[in-house]
Amino acid sequence: MRVAITGASGLIGTALSRHLKGTGHDVVPVVRRQPTANEIGWSVTEGRIDEDAFAGIDAVVHLAGAGIGDRRWTDDYKKLLVESRTAGTGLVAEAVRSASTPPSVVLSGSAMGYYGESLTETFDETSPNGSGFLADLCVEWEAAAQPVRSEHTRLALLRTGLVLSAEGGALKKQLPLFKLGLGGRMGHGRQWQSWISIDDMVGAITHLLTAPVDGPVNLTAPNPVTNAEFTDTLGEVLGRPTFLPIPTFGPKLLLGAELAENLLFAGQKVVPTVLQQTGYEFAHTDLASALRAVLDN
């Protein structure tokens, strides 16, 4: 397949590109700089993408967007988080719809934040959206992708969980403290963490390129854990103690109250019903094996 990828230089995009190239696919990055051969140029801020960008493209994997946890959530940054996703997705949708030979599938990014926070509920793809900034962001993000769908093109929405990789994301930021024996549960530790290994993230996306899926898909492993369980398991894998709980005031002071509350002290129990129903076989179904795999790479 000839696969165009936005966000191709990010954590997921880099791993996905490497895998697809290694298995004989042709990867076409969508880039903000001047494109070279076999690349597509675009600018979200200018609302511009190369003319007939997706002609001859079999699939589009749309992963681009400003990082949720990269900066404090000021009003300006929250606006950027929304606009980078809705405007970028709208640009992709417009290019797909106008392509002379449109791709057969678009896999468009979203996140498990769609479901909102809960300590007790279990969410699958049929669950309604929650409330709050992240849930509202995901609703708008997914809505911007809807015009992609046509008789020629199916649309899968990637409601992504906590991606485990030593090369980036939340785990990479946690590792230095945990390796020093200073890691601990966040607050009460009962908040759910719905995770997926980077290998399964790439595997699931590859699966969805050809699986007959149209609509939302939870990209999480089958066995979510609480933050306390995650903390204990990571400590065991690293051979380090994890007895020092992290009080809420420290991260809130460092990151800002809203960002810390949403990313560290809230959570949701999300299960991958659609992936399992369509025959995807997870490489890592339990947290310990996933952590060992990503930390051994």
Protein backbone atom coordinates (compact mmCIF):
# COMPACT_ATOMS: atom_id res chain seq x y z
CA MET A 1 0.00 0.00 0.00
CA ARG A 2 0.99 3.62 -0.50
CA VAL A 3 0.36 5.25 2.89
CA ALA A 4 0.47 9.00 3.59
CA ILE A 5 1.19 9.90 7.22
CA THR A 6 0.79 13.25 8.96
CA GLY A 7 2.81 13.53 12.15
CA ALA A 8 5.26 11.06 10.62
CA SER A 9 8.17 12.41 12.71
CA GLY A 10 6.36 11.98 16.05
CA LEU A 11 6.62 9.03 18.42
CA ILE A 12 3.87 6.95 16.81
CA GLY A 13 4.49 8.18 13.28
CA THR A 14 8.19 7.30 13.41
CA ALA A 15 7.53 3.76 14.67
CA LEU A 16 4.70 3.26 12.18
CA SER A 17 6.77 4.51 9.24
CA ARG A 18 9.63 2.19 10.18
CA HIS A 19 7.29 -0.80 10.40
CA LEU A 20 5.44 -0.10 7.17
CA LYS A 21 8.65 0.41 5.21
CA GLY A 22 10.04 -2.81 6.69
CA THR A 23 7.00 -4.76 5.54
CA GLY A 24 7.08 -3.52 1.96
CA HIS A 25 4.72 -0.53 2.04
CA ASP A 26 5.47 2.86 0.49
CA VAL A 27 5.35 5.62 3.13
CA VAL A 28 4.63 9.20 2.05
CA PRO A 29 5.22 11.71 4.88
CA VAL A 30 3.08 14.86 4.97
CA VAL A 31 5.54 17.58 6.03
CA ARG A 32 5.47 21.24 7.02
CA ARG A 33 8.86 22.01 5.45
CA GLN A 34 9.55 22.11 1.72
CA PRO A 35 8.70 18.59 0.52
CA THR A 36 11.20 16.41 -1.26
CA ALA A 37 10.40 13.58 -3.66
CA ASN A 38 7.75 11.19 -2.27
CA GLU A 39 6.56 13.73 0.31
CA ILE A 40 3.47 15.92 0.53
CA GLY A 41 3.73 19.53 1.72
CA TRP A 42 1.17 21.24 3.91
CA SER A 43 0.69 24.11 6.35
CA VAL A 44 -2.16 23.93 8.84
CA THR A 45 -1.76 27.57 9.87
CA GLU A 46 -1.98 28.69 6.24
CA GLY A 47 -4.71 26.20 5.36
CA ARG A 48 -2.60 24.83 2.52
CA ILE A 49 -1.84 21.35 1.20
CA ASP A 50 -0.29 20.26 -2.10
CA GLU A 51 -2.77 20.14 -4.95
CA ASP A 52 -4.34 16.69 -5.39
CA ALA A 53 -2.12 15.62 -2.49
CA PHE A 54 -3.72 12.21 -2.01
CA ALA A 55 -4.06 11.14 -5.63
CA GLY A 56 -2.65 7.62 -5.87
CA ILE A 57 -2.55 7.23 -2.09
CA ASP A 58 -4.19 4.06 -0.79
CA ALA A 59 -4.48 5.12 2.86
CA VAL A 60 -4.00 8.19 5.03
CA VAL A 61 -2.95 7.96 8.68
CA HIS A 62 -3.57 11.36 10.27
CA LEU A 63 -1.63 11.74 13.53
CA ALA A 64 -0.65 15.43 13.57
CA GLY A 65 -1.55 17.84 16.38
CA ALA A 66 0.08 19.93 19.10
CA GLY A 67 1.22 17.90 22.10
CA ILE A 68 -1.37 17.67 24.89
CA GLY A 69 1.22 17.62 27.67
CA ASP A 70 3.91 19.75 26.08
CA ARG A 71 3.02 23.03 27.80
CA ARG A 72 0.82 24.51 30.52
CA TRP A 73 -2.79 24.85 29.48
CA THR A 74 -3.04 28.59 29.09
CA ASP A 75 -6.03 29.88 27.17
CA ASP A 76 -3.80 30.43 24.15
CA TYR A 77 -2.34 26.92 24.28
CA LYS A 78 -5.74 25.29 24.70
CA LYS A 79 -6.85 27.22 21.61
CA LEU A 80 -3.81 25.86 19.76
CA LEU A 81 -4.60 22.31 20.88
CA VAL A 82 -8.08 22.60 19.40
CA GLU A 83 -7.13 24.44 16.22
CA SER A 84 -4.13 22.23 15.38
CA ARG A 85 -6.48 19.23 15.43
CA THR A 86 -9.66 20.59 13.91
CA ALA A 87 -8.00 22.71 11.23
CA GLY A 88 -5.47 19.99 10.37
CA THR A 89 -8.15 17.32 10.20
CA GLY A 90 -10.36 19.57 8.12
CA LEU A 91 -7.50 20.12 5.69
CA VAL A 92 -6.94 16.38 5.37
CA ALA A 93 -10.67 15.80 4.85
CA GLU A 94 -10.84 18.45 2.13
CA ALA A 95 -7.84 16.97 0.32
CA VAL A 96 -9.28 13.45 0.51
CA ARG A 97 -12.67 14.55 -0.81
CA SER A 98 -11.12 16.47 -3.71
CA ALA A 99 -8.58 13.79 -4.71
CA SER A 100 -8.92 12.56 -8.27
CA THR A 101 -8.37 9.02 -6.95
CA PRO A 102 -9.26 9.18 -3.22
CA PRO A 103 -7.71 6.80 -0.68
CA SER A 104 -9.80 3.83 0.40
CA VAL A 105 -9.26 4.48 4.11
CA VAL A 106 -8.40 7.31 6.47
CA LEU A 107 -7.29 6.54 10.02
CA SER A 108 -7.72 9.79 11.93
CA GLY A 109 -6.31 10.49 15.38
CA SER A 110 -8.42 10.92 18.49
CA ALA A 111 -7.92 9.96 22.15
CA MET A 112 -9.52 8.07 25.00
CA GLY A 113 -10.13 11.45 26.65
CA TYR A 114 -13.32 11.38 24.56
CA TYR A 115 -15.00 9.42 27.35
CA GLY A 116 -14.25 11.80 30.20
CA GLU A 117 -13.18 10.76 33.70
CA SER A 118 -14.56 7.87 35.77
CA LEU A 119 -13.31 5.62 38.57
CA THR A 120 -16.10 3.07 38.07
CA GLU A 121 -17.29 2.91 34.45
CA THR A 122 -15.84 0.77 31.65
CA PHE A 123 -15.87 2.42 28.21
CA ASP A 124 -16.05 0.75 24.82
CA GLU A 125 -16.65 2.30 21.42
CA THR A 126 -20.41 2.52 22.01
CA SER A 127 -20.02 4.66 25.16
CA PRO A 128 -21.09 8.32 24.94
CA ASN A 129 -18.65 11.20 25.17
CA GLY A 130 -17.87 12.70 28.55
CA SER A 131 -17.46 16.30 29.62
CA GLY A 132 -14.52 18.63 30.17
CA PHE A 133 -11.86 20.13 27.94
CA LEU A 134 -10.32 16.88 26.66
CA ALA A 135 -13.69 15.26 25.93
CA ASP A 136 -14.89 18.37 24.11
CA LEU A 137 -11.61 18.52 22.18
CA CYS A 138 -12.01 14.92 21.02
CA VAL A 139 -15.61 15.51 19.96
CA GLU A 140 -14.58 18.48 17.81
CA TRP A 141 -11.55 16.58 16.47
CA GLU A 142 -13.66 13.62 15.38
CA ALA A 143 -16.36 15.85 13.91
CA ALA A 144 -13.76 17.52 11.68
CA ALA A 145 -12.91 14.11 10.20
CA GLN A 146 -16.47 13.12 9.28
CA PRO A 147 -16.46 14.68 5.76
CA VAL A 148 -13.76 12.14 4.83
CA ARG A 149 -16.34 9.34 4.69
CA SER A 150 -17.77 8.57 1.25
CA GLU A 151 -18.63 5.65 -1.00
CA HIS A 152 -14.90 5.51 -1.82
CA THR A 153 -13.38 6.09 1.63
CA ARG A 154 -14.01 4.60 5.06
CA LEU A 155 -13.02 6.43 8.23
CA ALA A 156 -11.66 4.94 11.46
CA LEU A 157 -11.19 7.20 14.49
CA LEU A 158 -8.19 6.20 16.63
CA ARG A 159 -9.14 6.77 20.29
CA THR A 160 -5.64 6.26 21.61
CA GLY A 161 -4.66 5.36 25.15
CA LEU A 162 -1.37 5.81 27.02
CA VAL A 163 1.29 4.68 24.55
CA LEU A 164 4.18 2.89 26.25
CA SER A 165 7.58 3.61 24.73
CA ALA A 166 11.01 4.33 26.17
CA GLU A 167 11.58 6.70 23.24
CA GLY A 168 8.90 9.25 24.12
CA GLY A 169 5.58 10.00 25.72
CA ALA A 170 4.69 9.80 29.40
CA LEU A 171 6.77 6.70 30.16
CA LYS A 172 10.01 8.31 29.01
CA LYS A 173 9.33 11.25 31.35
CA GLN A 174 8.63 8.90 34.27
CA LEU A 175 11.66 6.65 33.88
CA PRO A 176 14.39 8.88 35.42
CA LEU A 177 12.51 9.17 38.74
CA PHE A 178 11.56 5.51 38.83
CA LYS A 179 15.13 4.42 38.09
CA LEU A 180 16.25 6.47 41.08
CA GLY A 181 13.66 4.76 43.28
CA LEU A 182 11.67 8.00 43.59
CA GLY A 183 8.62 6.96 41.59
CA GLY A 184 5.24 6.55 43.24
CA ARG A 185 1.52 6.51 42.67
CA MET A 186 -0.16 9.76 41.70
CA GLY A 187 -2.49 10.96 44.45
CA HIS A 188 -4.85 8.19 45.61
CA GLY A 189 -3.74 5.93 42.73
CA ARG A 190 -7.23 4.60 41.96
CA GLN A 191 -7.49 6.42 38.62
CA TRP A 192 -7.49 4.08 35.63
CA GLN A 193 -4.67 4.02 33.09
CA SER A 194 -5.65 2.48 29.77
CA TRP A 195 -2.34 1.71 28.08
CA ILE A 196 -1.01 0.19 24.86
CA SER A 197 2.54 -0.78 23.93
CA ILE A 198 4.13 1.02 20.99
CA ASP A 199 4.36 -2.36 19.22
CA ASP A 200 0.61 -2.88 19.52
CA MET A 201 -0.09 0.73 18.61
CA VAL A 202 1.74 0.17 15.33
CA GLY A 203 0.25 -3.29 14.92
CA ALA A 204 -3.31 -2.05 15.48
CA ILE A 205 -2.95 0.81 13.00
CA THR A 206 -1.52 -1.61 10.42
CA HIS A 207 -4.44 -3.97 11.11
CA LEU A 208 -6.95 -1.14 10.56
CA LEU A 209 -5.50 -0.31 7.15
CA THR A 210 -7.24 -3.39 5.80
CA ALA A 211 -9.76 -4.50 8.47
CA PRO A 212 -13.34 -3.50 7.48
CA VAL A 213 -13.73 -0.97 10.31
CA ASP A 214 -15.61 2.31 9.98
CA GLY A 215 -16.06 4.46 13.09
CA PRO A 216 -14.34 4.78 16.46
CA VAL A 217 -11.70 2.28 17.59
CA ASN A 218 -10.17 2.18 21.06
CA LEU A 219 -6.42 1.73 20.75
CA THR A 220 -5.78 0.33 24.22
CA ALA A 221 -4.68 -3.06 25.57
CA PRO A 222 -7.37 -5.42 26.93
CA ASN A 223 -6.26 -5.06 30.56
CA PRO A 224 -6.23 -1.48 31.87
CA VAL A 225 -4.79 -0.94 35.35
CA THR A 226 -5.08 1.61 38.11
CA ASN A 227 -2.30 4.11 38.59
CA ALA A 228 -1.26 2.29 41.77
CA GLU A 229 -1.00 -0.99 39.82
CA PHE A 230 0.92 0.71 37.03
CA THR A 231 3.33 2.20 39.56
CA ASP A 232 3.95 -1.11 41.33
CA THR A 233 4.46 -2.97 38.05
CA LEU A 234 6.91 -0.43 36.66
CA GLY A 235 8.85 -0.56 39.93
CA GLU A 236 8.98 -4.36 39.79
CA VAL A 237 10.17 -4.39 36.17
CA LEU A 238 12.91 -1.86 37.00
CA GLY A 239 13.76 -3.49 40.35
CA ARG A 240 13.18 -0.22 42.21
CA PRO A 241 10.99 0.71 45.21
CA THR A 242 7.81 2.75 44.63
CA PHE A 243 6.68 3.54 48.15
CA LEU A 244 6.70 7.35 47.88
CA PRO A 245 3.27 8.62 46.79
CA ILE A 246 3.30 11.84 44.80
CA PRO A 247 0.90 14.40 46.32
CA THR A 248 -1.30 16.41 44.00
CA PHE A 249 0.17 19.81 44.82
CA GLY A 250 3.63 19.13 43.32
CA PRO A 251 2.57 18.32 39.72
CA LYS A 252 -0.14 20.96 39.84
CA LEU A 253 2.45 23.55 40.79
CA LEU A 254 4.82 22.35 38.07
CA LEU A 255 2.36 21.76 35.22
CA GLY A 256 -0.60 23.88 36.18
CA ALA A 257 -3.70 22.56 37.96
CA GLU A 258 -5.86 21.77 34.91
CA LEU A 259 -3.19 19.93 32.93
CA ALA A 260 -2.00 17.92 35.96
CA GLU A 261 -5.54 17.00 36.96
CA ASN A 262 -6.45 15.77 33.47
CA LEU A 263 -3.25 13.90 32.64
CA LEU A 264 -2.13 12.56 36.00
CA PHE A 265 -4.99 12.40 38.47
CA ALA A 266 -7.94 11.60 36.19
CA GLY A 267 -8.42 8.48 34.12
CA GLN A 268 -10.79 6.15 32.36
CA LYS A 269 -11.08 2.37 31.97
CA VAL A 270 -11.18 1.82 28.21
CA VAL A 271 -11.38 -1.56 26.45
CA PRO A 272 -10.57 -2.38 22.79
CA THR A 273 -13.79 -4.14 21.79
CA VAL A 274 -13.59 -3.32 18.07
CA LEU A 275 -9.98 -4.45 17.72
CA GLN A 276 -10.78 -7.75 19.40
CA GLN A 277 -13.96 -8.29 17.37
CA THR A 278 -12.05 -7.76 14.12
CA GLY A 279 -9.37 -10.31 14.99
CA TYR A 280 -6.45 -8.19 16.08
CA GLU A 281 -4.02 -10.26 18.17
CA PHE A 282 -2.23 -8.21 20.81
CA ALA A 283 1.50 -8.73 21.30
CA HIS A 284 1.18 -7.50 24.90
CA THR A 285 -1.99 -8.04 26.90
CA ASP A 286 -0.50 -7.56 30.37
CA LEU A 287 1.39 -4.53 31.60
CA ALA A 288 4.49 -6.32 32.89
CA SER A 289 5.29 -7.96 29.56
CA ALA A 290 4.62 -4.70 27.72
CA LEU A 291 6.97 -2.73 29.96
CA ARG A 292 9.69 -5.38 29.66
CA ALA A 293 9.37 -5.31 25.89
CA VAL A 294 9.56 -1.54 25.50
CA LEU A 295 12.36 -1.15 28.06
CA ASP A 296 14.46 -3.92 26.51
CA ASN A 297 14.38 -2.32 23.04
